[in-house]
């Protein structure tokens, strides 16, 4: 079943990857702790193995599903969940393909986020993998940001640093 879901997700990511935009701006002080409050959660940066022990590797592929209580049914319906990857000074919104040709993508589900890297090299080490951070915004927070002139699509096209700076205000 996992291979079937992974295959569907891989095809979806390939179709969407041409639409992804590279965000290379790194915040001046990377978030090392979770920020939360008033309909906003920005997680700290973690590698796949730091979030959960359900990591699997097969032929260089890696996946994990981790708990994110902030991802509620209401958020899935009307809010926004974004996942970013950081490798060195490069920060990108998922989905994207890294320098080792691993295609990273995610799927938000109620209470968690499924993260997967496909087609990686079998010899890839833990140190080759990017760190990840997720941003969860409630409908109320999105409406508040829209009143400031920031539409949902604008938030999705912002760099990580710009988005975090906006959310800290």
C-alpha atoms as a PDB file:
ATOM      1  CA  UNK A   1       0.000   0.000   0.000  1.00  0.00           C
ATOM      2  CA  UNK A   2       2.867   2.389   0.835  1.00  0.00           C
ATOM      3  CA  UNK A   3       4.395   1.826  -2.603  1.00  0.00           C
ATOM      4  CA  UNK A   4       1.040   2.595  -4.252  1.00  0.00           C
ATOM      5  CA  UNK A   5       0.642   5.833  -2.273  1.00  0.00           C
ATOM      6  CA  UNK A   6       4.279   6.744  -2.918  1.00  0.00           C
ATOM      7  CA  UNK A   7       3.815   6.185  -6.643  1.00  0.00           C
ATOM      8  CA  UNK A   8       0.737   8.394  -6.794  1.00  0.00           C
ATOM      9  CA  UNK A   9       2.495  11.083  -4.766  1.00  0.00           C
ATOM     10  CA  UNK A  10       5.590  10.871  -6.958  1.00  0.00           C
ATOM     11  CA  UNK A  11       3.542  11.381 -10.109  1.00  0.00           C
ATOM     12  CA  UNK A  12       1.718  14.310  -8.482  1.00  0.00           C
ATOM     13  CA  UNK A  13       4.996  15.862  -7.412  1.00  0.00           C
ATOM     14  CA  UNK A  14       6.486  15.509 -10.860  1.00  0.00           C
ATOM     15  CA  UNK A  15       3.482  17.343 -12.268  1.00  0.00           C
ATOM     16  CA  UNK A  16       3.729  20.071  -9.627  1.00  0.00           C
ATOM     17  CA  UNK A  17       7.518  20.384  -9.498  1.00  0.00           C
ATOM     18  CA  UNK A  18       7.599  22.561 -12.582  1.00  0.00           C
ATOM     19  CA  UNK A  19       5.474  25.053 -10.625  1.00  0.00           C
ATOM     20  CA  UNK A  20       7.671  25.146  -7.532  1.00  0.00           C
ATOM     21  CA  UNK A  21       9.639  28.262  -6.832  1.00  0.00           C
ATOM     22  CA  UNK A  22      13.072  28.292  -5.239  1.00  0.00           C
ATOM     23  CA  UNK A  23      13.293  30.366  -2.092  1.00  0.00           C
ATOM     24  CA  UNK A  24      16.926  31.017  -1.362  1.00  0.00           C
ATOM     25  CA  UNK A  25      16.487  33.626   1.341  1.00  0.00           C
ATOM     26  CA  UNK A  26      17.571  32.416   4.771  1.00  0.00           C
ATOM     27  CA  UNK A  27      16.219  34.243   7.799  1.00  0.00           C
ATOM     28  CA  UNK A  28      18.842  36.266   9.644  1.00  0.00           C
ATOM     29  CA  UNK A  29      18.323  34.078  12.704  1.00  0.00           C
ATOM     30  CA  UNK A  30      17.019  30.617  11.796  1.00  0.00           C
ATOM     31  CA  UNK A  31      14.143  29.396  13.932  1.00  0.00           C
ATOM     32  CA  UNK A  32      15.513  26.800  16.342  1.00  0.00           C
ATOM     33  CA  UNK A  33      12.390  26.567  18.506  1.00  0.00           C
ATOM     34  CA  UNK A  34       8.730  26.266  17.671  1.00  0.00           C
ATOM     35  CA  UNK A  35       6.784  29.525  17.348  1.00  0.00           C
ATOM     36  CA  UNK A  36       3.094  29.234  18.089  1.00  0.00           C
ATOM     37  CA  UNK A  37       0.142  31.375  19.002  1.00  0.00           C
ATOM     38  CA  UNK A  38      -2.978  32.977  17.548  1.00  0.00           C
ATOM     39  CA  UNK A  39      -3.467  30.521  14.703  1.00  0.00           C
ATOM     40  CA  UNK A  40       0.230  30.264  13.768  1.00  0.00           C
ATOM     41  CA  UNK A  41       2.759  27.483  14.238  1.00  0.00           C
ATOM     42  CA  UNK A  42       6.296  27.545  12.825  1.00  0.00           C
ATOM     43  CA  UNK A  43       8.234  24.440  13.802  1.00  0.00           C
ATOM     44  CA  UNK A  44      11.924  24.331  14.532  1.00  0.00           C
ATOM     45  CA  UNK A  45      14.284  22.894  11.885  1.00  0.00           C
ATOM     46  CA  UNK A  46      14.618  19.122  12.137  1.00  0.00           C
ATOM     47  CA  UNK A  47      15.876  16.309   9.974  1.00  0.00           C
ATOM     48  CA  UNK A  48      13.577  13.412   9.104  1.00  0.00           C
ATOM     49  CA  UNK A  49      14.966  11.177  11.863  1.00  0.00           C
ATOM     50  CA  UNK A  50      14.643  13.859  14.559  1.00  0.00           C
ATOM     51  CA  UNK A  51      10.870  14.089  14.181  1.00  0.00           C
ATOM     52  CA  UNK A  52       9.887  10.463  14.364  1.00  0.00           C
ATOM     53  CA  UNK A  53      11.294   6.974  14.639  1.00  0.00           C
ATOM     54  CA  UNK A  54       9.148   5.649  11.767  1.00  0.00           C
ATOM     55  CA  UNK A  55      11.790   6.488   9.189  1.00  0.00           C
ATOM     56  CA  UNK A  56      12.171   3.931   6.396  1.00  0.00           C
ATOM     57  CA  UNK A  57      14.867   3.598   3.796  1.00  0.00           C
ATOM     58  CA  UNK A  58      14.530   1.508   0.673  1.00  0.00           C
ATOM     59  CA  UNK A  59      16.721   2.088  -2.340  1.00  0.00           C
ATOM     60  CA  UNK A  60      17.657   5.532  -1.030  1.00  0.00           C
ATOM     61  CA  UNK A  61      14.056   6.605  -0.441  1.00  0.00           C
ATOM     62  CA  UNK A  62      13.129   8.005   2.948  1.00  0.00           C
ATOM     63  CA  UNK A  63       9.769   8.723   4.538  1.00  0.00           C
ATOM     64  CA  UNK A  64       8.276   9.586   7.866  1.00  0.00           C
ATOM     65  CA  UNK A  65       4.974  10.608   9.303  1.00  0.00           C
ATOM     66  CA  UNK A  66       5.120  12.833  12.346  1.00  0.00           C
ATOM     67  CA  UNK A  67       2.556  14.298  14.673  1.00  0.00           C
ATOM     68  CA  UNK A  68       1.500  17.910  14.224  1.00  0.00           C
ATOM     69  CA  UNK A  69      -1.558  18.501  16.416  1.00  0.00           C
ATOM     70  CA  UNK A  70      -1.943  21.984  14.894  1.00  0.00           C
ATOM     71  CA  UNK A  71      -2.998  20.388  11.600  1.00  0.00           C
ATOM     72  CA  UNK A  72      -6.712  20.092  12.267  1.00  0.00           C
ATOM     73  CA  UNK A  73      -9.569  19.377   9.904  1.00  0.00           C
ATOM     74  CA  UNK A  74     -10.364  23.116   9.959  1.00  0.00           C
ATOM     75  CA  UNK A  75      -6.789  23.950   8.910  1.00  0.00           C
ATOM     76  CA  UNK A  76      -6.926  21.374   6.117  1.00  0.00           C
ATOM     77  CA  UNK A  77     -10.216  22.841   4.862  1.00  0.00           C
ATOM     78  CA  UNK A  78      -9.564  26.582   5.125  1.00  0.00           C
ATOM     79  CA  UNK A  79      -6.084  27.135   6.529  1.00  0.00           C
ATOM     80  CA  UNK A  80      -2.615  26.546   5.130  1.00  0.00           C
ATOM     81  CA  UNK A  81       0.186  24.056   5.790  1.00  0.00           C
ATOM     82  CA  UNK A  82       3.593  24.679   4.194  1.00  0.00           C
ATOM     83  CA  UNK A  83       6.790  22.649   4.589  1.00  0.00           C
ATOM     84  CA  UNK A  84      10.240  24.104   3.878  1.00  0.00           C
ATOM     85  CA  UNK A  85      13.601  22.389   3.456  1.00  0.00           C
ATOM     86  CA  UNK A  86      16.944  23.946   4.408  1.00  0.00           C
ATOM     87  CA  UNK A  87      20.255  22.698   3.089  1.00  0.00           C
ATOM     88  CA  UNK A  88      23.160  24.992   3.878  1.00  0.00           C
ATOM     89  CA  UNK A  89      22.062  28.523   2.988  1.00  0.00           C
ATOM     90  CA  UNK A  90      19.327  27.342   0.618  1.00  0.00           C
ATOM     91  CA  UNK A  91      15.694  27.267   1.818  1.00  0.00           C
ATOM     92  CA  UNK A  92      12.959  25.949  -0.465  1.00  0.00           C
ATOM     93  CA  UNK A  93       9.260  25.297  -0.247  1.00  0.00           C
ATOM     94  CA  UNK A  94       8.333  21.671  -0.894  1.00  0.00           C
ATOM     95  CA  UNK A  95       7.943  20.034  -3.333  1.00  0.00           C
ATOM     96  CA  UNK A  96      11.452  20.368  -4.735  1.00  0.00           C
ATOM     97  CA  UNK A  97      14.368  18.259  -5.944  1.00  0.00           C
ATOM     98  CA  UNK A  98      17.656  18.554  -4.057  1.00  0.00           C
ATOM     99  CA  UNK A  99      21.213  18.419  -5.413  1.00  0.00           C
ATOM    100  CA  UNK A 100      21.334  14.631  -4.933  1.00  0.00           C
ATOM    101  CA  UNK A 101      18.243  14.290  -7.173  1.00  0.00           C
ATOM    102  CA  UNK A 102      15.935  13.366  -4.292  1.00  0.00           C
ATOM    103  CA  UNK A 103      12.401  14.627  -4.819  1.00  0.00           C
ATOM    104  CA  UNK A 104      11.006  15.875  -1.496  1.00  0.00           C
ATOM    105  CA  UNK A 105       7.295  16.314  -0.930  1.00  0.00           C
ATOM    106  CA  UNK A 106       4.743  16.288   1.855  1.00  0.00           C
ATOM    107  CA  UNK A 107       1.106  15.625   2.545  1.00  0.00           C
ATOM    108  CA  UNK A 108      -0.731  17.152   5.496  1.00  0.00           C
ATOM    109  CA  UNK A 109      -3.318  15.003   7.240  1.00  0.00           C
ATOM    110  CA  UNK A 110      -5.330  15.695  10.341  1.00  0.00           C
ATOM    111  CA  UNK A 111      -2.903  15.549  13.255  1.00  0.00           C
ATOM    112  CA  UNK A 112       0.236  15.026  11.203  1.00  0.00           C
ATOM    113  CA  UNK A 113       2.415  15.520   8.172  1.00  0.00           C
ATOM    114  CA  UNK A 114       3.753  12.789   5.894  1.00  0.00           C
ATOM    115  CA  UNK A 115       7.182  13.642   4.460  1.00  0.00           C
ATOM    116  CA  UNK A 116       8.924  11.639   1.732  1.00  0.00           C
ATOM    117  CA  UNK A 117      12.080  11.812  -0.332  1.00  0.00           C
ATOM    118  CA  UNK A 118      12.048   9.714  -3.524  1.00  0.00           C
ATOM    119  CA  UNK A 119      14.775   8.536  -5.894  1.00  0.00           C
ATOM    120  CA  UNK A 120      17.647   9.413  -3.617  1.00  0.00           C
ATOM    121  CA  UNK A 121      20.983   7.726  -3.926  1.00  0.00           C
ATOM    122  CA  UNK A 122      21.396   4.624  -1.799  1.00  0.00           C
ATOM    123  CA  UNK A 123      24.719   5.904  -0.507  1.00  0.00           C
ATOM    124  CA  UNK A 124      23.200   9.139   0.770  1.00  0.00           C
ATOM    125  CA  UNK A 125      24.008   9.772   4.428  1.00  0.00           C
ATOM    126  CA  UNK A 126      22.058  11.535   7.164  1.00  0.00           C
ATOM    127  CA  UNK A 127      24.278  14.601   6.706  1.00  0.00           C
ATOM    128  CA  UNK A 128      23.188  14.852   3.033  1.00  0.00           C
ATOM    129  CA  UNK A 129      19.544  15.304   3.993  1.00  0.00           C
ATOM    130  CA  UNK A 130      18.016  18.741   4.435  1.00  0.00           C
ATOM    131  CA  UNK A 131      16.391  19.970   7.635  1.00  0.00           C
ATOM    132  CA  UNK A 132      12.668  20.683   7.499  1.00  0.00           C
ATOM    133  CA  UNK A 133      10.332  23.200   9.114  1.00  0.00           C
ATOM    134  CA  UNK A 134       6.570  23.449   8.762  1.00  0.00           C
ATOM    135  CA  UNK A 135       4.244  26.430   8.970  1.00  0.00           C
ATOM    136  CA  UNK A 136       0.586  25.992   9.931  1.00  0.00           C
ATOM    137  CA  UNK A 137      -1.859  28.893   9.585  1.00  0.00           C
ATOM    138  CA  UNK A 138      -5.487  28.832  10.691  1.00  0.00           C
ATOM    139  CA  UNK A 139      -8.282  30.352   8.641  1.00  0.00           C
ATOM    140  CA  UNK A 140      -8.521  33.182  11.171  1.00  0.00           C
ATOM    141  CA  UNK A 141      -4.834  34.027  10.746  1.00  0.00           C
ATOM    142  CA  UNK A 142      -5.146  33.930   6.963  1.00  0.00           C
ATOM    143  CA  UNK A 143      -8.134  36.311   7.137  1.00  0.00           C
ATOM    144  CA  UNK A 144      -6.102  38.618   9.380  1.00  0.00           C
ATOM    145  CA  UNK A 145      -3.205  38.568   6.896  1.00  0.00           C
ATOM    146  CA  UNK A 146      -5.619  39.179   4.001  1.00  0.00           C
ATOM    147  CA  UNK A 147      -6.789  42.341   5.772  1.00  0.00           C
ATOM    148  CA  UNK A 148      -3.136  43.456   5.581  1.00  0.00           C
ATOM    149  CA  UNK A 149      -3.083  42.763   1.830  1.00  0.00           C
ATOM    150  CA  UNK A 150      -1.474  39.297   1.933  1.00  0.00           C
ATOM    151  CA  UNK A 151      -3.577  36.707   0.104  1.00  0.00           C
ATOM    152  CA  UNK A 152      -3.106  32.985   0.591  1.00  0.00           C
ATOM    153  CA  UNK A 153      -1.311  32.735  -2.766  1.00  0.00           C
ATOM    154  CA  UNK A 154       1.042  35.543  -1.668  1.00  0.00           C
ATOM    155  CA  UNK A 155       1.914  33.574   1.473  1.00  0.00           C
ATOM    156  CA  UNK A 156       2.615  30.476  -0.621  1.00  0.00           C
ATOM    157  CA  UNK A 157       5.006  32.460  -2.833  1.00  0.00           C
ATOM    158  CA  UNK A 158       6.901  34.177  -0.011  1.00  0.00           C
ATOM    159  CA  UNK A 159      10.351  33.076   0.985  1.00  0.00           C
ATOM    160  CA  UNK A 160      10.628  31.351   4.341  1.00  0.00           C
ATOM    161  CA  UNK A 161      12.424  34.334   5.859  1.00  0.00           C
ATOM    162  CA  UNK A 162       9.831  36.833   4.650  1.00  0.00           C
ATOM    163  CA  UNK A 163       6.960  34.654   5.853  1.00  0.00           C
ATOM    164  CA  UNK A 164       8.455  34.119   9.320  1.00  0.00           C
ATOM    165  CA  UNK A 165       9.195  37.859   9.606  1.00  0.00           C
ATOM    166  CA  UNK A 166       5.583  38.642   8.679  1.00  0.00           C
ATOM    167  CA  UNK A 167       4.229  36.138  11.201  1.00  0.00           C
ATOM    168  CA  UNK A 168       6.414  37.512  14.014  1.00  0.00           C
ATOM    169  CA  UNK A 169       4.819  40.975  13.674  1.00  0.00           C
END
